[in-house]
Protein backbone atom coordinates (compact mmCIF):
# COMPACT_ATOMS: atom_id res chain seq x y z
CA UNK A 1 12.96 -6.51 -38.71
CA UNK A 2 14.97 -9.27 -37.08
CA UNK A 3 14.82 -7.59 -33.67
CA UNK A 4 11.05 -7.30 -33.87
CA UNK A 5 10.66 -10.96 -34.75
CA UNK A 6 12.85 -11.93 -31.82
CA UNK A 7 10.67 -9.93 -29.42
CA UNK A 8 7.51 -11.56 -30.81
CA UNK A 9 8.93 -15.03 -30.22
CA UNK A 10 10.07 -14.26 -26.68
CA UNK A 11 7.14 -14.09 -24.20
CA UNK A 12 9.42 -12.83 -21.42
CA UNK A 13 10.36 -9.80 -23.49
CA UNK A 14 6.72 -9.10 -24.28
CA UNK A 15 5.86 -9.18 -20.56
CA UNK A 16 8.71 -6.86 -19.73
CA UNK A 17 7.60 -4.44 -22.42
CA UNK A 18 4.14 -4.04 -20.93
CA UNK A 19 5.46 -2.86 -17.55
CA UNK A 20 5.25 0.87 -17.11
CA UNK A 21 7.33 1.61 -14.01
CA UNK A 22 8.48 5.12 -13.13
CA UNK A 23 9.61 4.67 -9.56
CA UNK A 24 12.00 7.59 -8.99
CA UNK A 25 13.28 7.26 -5.43
CA UNK A 26 10.74 4.66 -4.30
CA UNK A 27 11.89 1.74 -2.14
CA UNK A 28 11.91 -1.67 -3.85
CA UNK A 29 8.48 -3.29 -4.07
CA UNK A 30 8.23 -7.09 -4.14
CA UNK A 31 6.83 -8.38 -6.36
CA UNK A 32 7.36 -5.54 -8.79
CA UNK A 33 4.00 -4.01 -9.85
CA UNK A 34 3.04 -3.73 -13.49
CA UNK A 35 2.46 0.03 -13.39
CA UNK A 36 3.88 2.57 -10.95
CA UNK A 37 3.65 6.32 -11.45
CA UNK A 38 5.25 8.70 -8.96
CA UNK A 39 3.35 11.87 -8.08
CA UNK A 40 4.40 15.06 -6.32
CA UNK A 41 4.18 15.14 -2.56
CA UNK A 42 3.18 12.36 -0.22
CA UNK A 43 1.02 11.15 2.64
CA UNK A 44 1.84 10.94 6.33
CA UNK A 45 0.35 8.52 8.84
CA UNK A 46 -0.98 10.03 12.05
CA UNK A 47 -1.72 8.28 15.33
CA UNK A 48 -5.18 6.72 15.49
CA UNK A 49 -6.10 7.37 11.86
CA UNK A 50 -8.70 4.95 10.42
CA UNK A 51 -8.15 2.05 8.07
CA UNK A 52 -11.61 1.56 6.58
CA UNK A 53 -12.62 -1.91 5.36
CA UNK A 54 -15.44 -2.40 2.83
CA UNK A 55 -18.91 -2.42 4.38
CA UNK A 56 -20.82 -3.43 1.27
CA UNK A 57 -21.94 -6.76 2.75
CA UNK A 58 -23.06 -7.51 6.32
CA UNK A 59 -20.42 -10.18 6.88
CA UNK A 60 -16.75 -9.25 7.09
CA UNK A 61 -14.42 -11.64 5.26
CA UNK A 62 -12.14 -13.11 7.92
CA UNK A 63 -9.12 -13.14 5.60
CA UNK A 64 -9.51 -9.38 4.99
CA UNK A 65 -9.55 -8.71 8.74
CA UNK A 66 -6.39 -10.81 9.07
CA UNK A 67 -4.75 -8.82 6.25
CA UNK A 68 -5.71 -5.50 7.83
CA UNK A 69 -4.50 -6.63 11.25
CA UNK A 70 -1.16 -7.73 9.80
CA UNK A 71 -0.82 -4.41 7.94
CA UNK A 72 -1.54 -2.47 11.12
CA UNK A 73 1.07 -4.48 13.02
CA UNK A 74 3.70 -3.91 10.31
CA UNK A 75 3.04 -0.18 10.15
CA UNK A 76 3.25 0.04 13.93
CA UNK A 77 6.56 -1.82 13.86
CA UNK A 78 7.96 0.36 11.08
CA UNK A 79 6.65 3.77 12.16
CA UNK A 80 5.49 3.54 15.78
CA UNK A 81 2.03 4.71 14.64
CA UNK A 82 -1.15 2.77 15.46
CA UNK A 83 -4.01 2.62 12.96
CA UNK A 84 -7.62 1.89 13.88
CA UNK A 85 -9.39 -0.74 11.78
CA UNK A 86 -12.99 0.31 11.10
CA UNK A 87 -15.97 -0.33 8.83
CA UNK A 88 -18.49 2.27 7.72
CA UNK A 89 -20.94 2.61 4.85
CA UNK A 90 -20.08 6.31 4.70
CA UNK A 91 -16.51 6.68 5.99
CA UNK A 92 -15.31 10.14 6.94
CA UNK A 93 -12.74 11.10 4.31
CA UNK A 94 -12.15 14.70 5.35
CA UNK A 95 -9.12 13.76 7.48
CA UNK A 96 -6.13 11.44 6.87
CA UNK A 97 -7.37 7.91 6.14
CA UNK A 98 -6.86 4.63 4.33
CA UNK A 99 -9.93 3.27 2.61
CA UNK A 100 -10.31 -0.17 0.99
CA UNK A 101 -12.93 -0.65 -1.72
CA UNK A 102 -14.18 -3.57 -3.77
CA UNK A 103 -14.16 -2.41 -7.38
CA UNK A 104 -14.46 -4.88 -10.28
CA UNK A 105 -12.81 -2.33 -12.59
CA UNK A 106 -9.58 -2.11 -10.56
CA UNK A 107 -7.64 -4.48 -12.81
CA UNK A 108 -5.55 -4.25 -15.95
CA UNK A 109 -7.51 -7.09 -17.60
CA UNK A 110 -10.83 -7.45 -15.74
CA UNK A 111 -11.91 -10.42 -17.87
CA UNK A 112 -8.98 -12.64 -16.89
CA UNK A 113 -8.94 -15.03 -13.93
CA UNK A 114 -5.88 -13.19 -12.59
CA UNK A 115 -8.07 -10.11 -12.01
CA UNK A 116 -8.92 -11.76 -8.68
CA UNK A 117 -5.46 -10.72 -7.42
CA UNK A 118 -5.29 -7.28 -9.05
CA UNK A 119 -5.32 -4.02 -7.12
CA UNK A 120 -5.06 -0.27 -7.58
CA UNK A 121 -3.22 1.75 -4.93
CA UNK A 122 -3.66 5.53 -4.98
CA UNK A 123 -1.68 7.69 -2.54
CA UNK A 124 -2.38 11.40 -2.24
CA UNK A 125 -1.65 14.02 0.42
CA UNK A 126 -5.11 13.71 1.96
CA UNK A 127 -5.54 9.96 1.97
CA UNK A 128 -4.89 6.52 0.54
CA UNK A 129 -7.28 4.34 -1.44
CA UNK A 130 -6.85 0.65 -2.20
CA UNK A 131 -9.34 -0.69 -4.73
CA UNK A 132 -9.52 -4.28 -5.94
CA UNK A 133 -11.96 -6.72 -7.53
CA UNK A 134 -11.65 -9.07 -4.53
CA UNK A 135 -10.35 -9.48 -1.01
CA UNK A 136 -7.17 -11.04 -2.43
CA UNK A 137 -6.37 -7.83 -4.30
CA UNK A 138 -7.03 -5.69 -1.22
CA UNK A 139 -4.59 -7.89 0.71
CA UNK A 140 -1.93 -7.33 -1.93
CA UNK A 141 -2.53 -3.59 -1.91
CA UNK A 142 -2.15 -3.45 1.87
CA UNK A 143 1.10 -5.43 1.64
CA UNK A 144 2.48 -3.01 -0.95
CA UNK A 145 1.49 -0.04 1.21
CA UNK A 146 3.45 -1.53 4.11
CA UNK A 147 6.55 -1.78 1.92
CA UNK A 148 6.26 1.90 0.97
CA UNK A 149 5.94 3.25 4.53
CA UNK A 150 9.10 4.94 5.81
CA UNK A 151 10.20 5.00 9.49
CA UNK A 152 8.97 8.60 9.67
CA UNK A 153 5.47 7.47 8.69
CA UNK A 154 5.53 8.90 5.19
CA UNK A 155 4.36 7.32 1.94
CA UNK A 156 5.21 8.90 -1.44
CA UNK A 157 2.28 10.01 -3.57
CA UNK A 158 1.82 7.58 -6.44
CA UNK A 159 -0.48 5.42 -8.53
CA UNK A 160 0.06 1.65 -8.66
CA UNK A 161 -1.88 -0.80 -10.80
CA UNK A 162 -0.92 -4.44 -10.60
CA UNK A 163 -2.17 -7.81 -11.81
CA UNK A 164 -0.17 -11.07 -11.82
CA UNK A 165 0.64 -13.00 -14.98
CA UNK A 166 -0.38 -16.36 -13.52
CA UNK A 167 -3.50 -17.29 -11.56
CA UNK A 168 -1.64 -19.79 -9.35
CA UNK A 169 1.86 -19.06 -8.08
CA UNK A 170 3.30 -21.70 -5.79
CA UNK A 171 6.17 -23.57 -4.24
CA UNK A 172 6.69 -27.12 -2.98
CA UNK A 173 8.64 -27.75 0.20
CA UNK A 174 10.07 -31.20 0.92
CA UNK A 175 9.38 -32.00 4.58
CA UNK A 176 10.61 -35.59 4.39
CA UNK A 177 14.38 -35.10 4.11
CA UNK A 178 16.38 -33.60 6.94
CA UNK A 179 14.68 -31.91 9.85
CA UNK A 180 10.91 -31.60 9.63
CA UNK A 181 10.00 -27.89 10.02
CA UNK A 182 8.27 -26.92 13.24
CA UNK A 183 4.72 -25.62 13.19
CA UNK A 184 6.02 -22.10 13.89
CA UNK A 185 8.47 -22.32 10.98
CA UNK A 186 5.71 -23.41 8.61
CA UNK A 187 3.50 -20.54 9.76
CA UNK A 188 6.37 -18.14 9.06
CA UNK A 189 6.76 -19.65 5.58
CA UNK A 190 3.03 -19.21 4.91
CA UNK A 191 3.23 -15.55 5.91
CA UNK A 192 6.23 -15.06 3.62
CA UNK A 193 4.30 -16.72 0.77
CA UNK A 194 1.39 -14.37 1.39
CA UNK A 195 3.65 -11.30 1.41
CA UNK A 196 5.21 -12.32 -1.92
CA UNK A 197 1.80 -13.13 -3.52
CA UNK A 198 2.61 -16.87 -3.59
CA UNK A 199 -0.87 -18.37 -3.25
CA UNK A 200 -0.11 -22.10 -3.36
CA UNK A 201 2.03 -24.11 -0.93
CA UNK A 202 2.58 -27.85 -1.25
CA UNK A 203 4.24 -29.81 1.54
CA UNK A 204 5.91 -32.88 0.04
CA UNK A 205 5.38 -35.84 2.41
CA UNK A 206 6.73 -39.38 2.21
CA UNK A 207 6.71 -40.78 5.75
CA UNK A 208 6.66 -37.68 7.93
CA UNK A 209 3.02 -37.84 8.99
CA UNK A 210 1.56 -39.49 12.08
CA UNK A 211 -0.88 -42.00 10.60
CA UNK A 212 -3.24 -43.38 13.23
CA UNK A 213 -3.71 -46.74 11.45
CA UNK A 214 -0.03 -47.04 10.58
CA UNK A 215 1.93 -45.33 13.38
CA UNK A 216 5.15 -47.16 12.46
CA UNK A 217 5.53 -45.08 9.29
CA UNK A 218 6.09 -41.73 10.97
CA UNK A 219 7.58 -43.00 14.24
CA UNK A 220 10.78 -41.22 15.28
CA UNK A 221 10.68 -38.63 12.46
CA UNK A 222 8.98 -35.67 14.21
CA UNK A 223 5.98 -36.16 11.92
CA UNK A 224 3.25 -33.69 11.11
CA UNK A 225 0.00 -34.50 12.89
CA UNK A 226 -3.60 -34.31 11.71
CA UNK A 227 -4.27 -31.45 14.09
CA UNK A 228 -1.22 -29.49 12.95
CA UNK A 229 -2.14 -29.87 9.27
CA UNK A 230 -5.72 -28.73 9.93
CA UNK A 231 -4.41 -25.69 11.78
CA UNK A 232 -1.91 -24.89 9.00
CA UNK A 233 -4.64 -25.19 6.37
CA UNK A 234 -6.82 -22.67 8.22
CA UNK A 235 -3.84 -20.38 8.90
CA UNK A 236 -2.91 -20.44 5.21
CA UNK A 237 -6.47 -19.83 4.00
CA UNK A 238 -6.70 -16.71 6.19
CA UNK A 239 -3.63 -15.39 4.35
CA UNK A 240 -4.71 -16.26 0.82
CA UNK A 241 -2.51 -19.35 0.50
CA UNK A 242 -3.92 -22.72 -0.55
CA UNK A 243 -2.26 -25.65 1.21
CA UNK A 244 -2.20 -28.53 -1.28
CA UNK A 245 -1.64 -32.12 -0.09
CA UNK A 246 1.24 -34.09 -1.57
CA UNK A 247 1.70 -37.65 -0.33
CA UNK A 248 3.96 -40.13 -2.10
CA UNK A 249 2.44 -43.49 -2.93
CA UNK A 250 4.06 -45.94 -5.38
CA UNK A 251 7.59 -44.54 -5.45
CA UNK A 252 9.89 -42.97 -2.84
CA UNK A 253 8.74 -45.61 -0.36
CA UNK A 254 12.16 -46.66 0.99
CA UNK A 255 11.35 -45.66 4.56
CA UNK A 256 8.00 -47.50 4.52
CA UNK A 257 9.48 -50.63 2.95
CA UNK A 258 12.27 -50.72 5.53
CA UNK A 259 9.60 -51.63 8.11
CA UNK A 260 8.97 -55.37 8.38
CA UNK A 261 5.19 -54.96 8.28
CA UNK A 262 5.37 -53.51 4.74
CA UNK A 263 8.53 -55.10 3.29
CA UNK A 264 6.50 -57.68 1.39
CA UNK A 265 4.90 -54.96 -0.71
CA UNK A 266 8.18 -54.09 -2.45
CA UNK A 267 8.11 -54.21 -6.24
CA UNK A 268 11.78 -55.22 -6.47
CA UNK A 269 14.87 -55.86 -4.41
CA UNK A 270 15.66 -52.14 -4.52
CA UNK A 271 12.86 -51.57 -2.00
CA UNK A 272 12.15 -48.18 -3.56
CA UNK A 273 8.58 -48.63 -4.80
CA UNK A 274 5.59 -50.68 -3.70
CA UNK A 275 4.08 -53.14 -6.15
CA UNK A 276 0.82 -51.90 -7.69
CA UNK A 277 -0.12 -55.55 -8.32
CA UNK A 278 0.01 -56.56 -4.66
CA UNK A 279 -3.45 -56.44 -3.02
CA UNK A 280 -1.88 -55.15 0.19
CA UNK A 281 -0.65 -52.03 -1.65
CA UNK A 282 -4.18 -50.84 -2.38
CA UNK A 283 -5.24 -51.40 1.23
CA UNK A 284 -2.21 -49.51 2.56
CA UNK A 285 -2.56 -46.55 0.21
CA UNK A 286 -6.31 -46.34 0.84
CA UNK A 287 -5.64 -46.12 4.57
CA UNK A 288 -3.01 -43.42 4.12
CA UNK A 289 -5.06 -41.25 1.78
CA UNK A 290 -8.24 -41.68 3.80
CA UNK A 291 -6.45 -40.07 6.73
CA UNK A 292 -4.37 -37.49 4.88
CA UNK A 293 -6.57 -35.97 2.15
CA UNK A 294 -9.53 -34.82 4.30
CA UNK A 295 -7.15 -32.55 6.25
């Protein structure tokens, strides 16, 4: 009786209990799916086999094409086999293939907001199907498939059904202390976030942005630029990651207040925060946010 009460009070234990994972000799899958069932046999990639994208609508979602292109590149790197990305309303399924389908039912809990990121991966000897309620779920299914592919081009037969516990899963990276990451490093981080189903990235900024109206603030700190942030935002969106702005305002303003032009805005002798009662504070923050937020 006591053990049961403990389990009821502990959400983590309840979540663990709902996972039905029978992986056998499968390689590790990150993040770990909710349900994995190993089947007999397996599938083998062959050179030039098709990867079919949904053709339900006339327009192809750009982020799905990016996901398929990334999956093709990873499979080529891992196996030496090249897939052909195609779309067809009636794909030929009588030869080895991978087919992606939009299916609202391919979720553990279709009524929840997290169903957006759910997917069902089915691997059999004749072909592979990835079904999901949305493009986000298809992306996740393709990423899992890449993790399962062996150097010999084989994938074990199995059934995977996955759906995250939280709608938004994110990290915040401080880009104002130490070296500011290069654009290439930030792109690599975004791709890692996408691979691990992290769909929110926040870059914490104090002074490391090149403000056009206030160039002194970011001078000498290798600041992010408006153009680089716009490019990162588009790059992230194509990979299912939302780039959220984070710009300090009242506190953590030591670097700004060390500049003579803004020193008079200090709230105290500590020169750590600007004074919300000073009329110049509102003008400064309005300028900064007017430049930063639209990006």
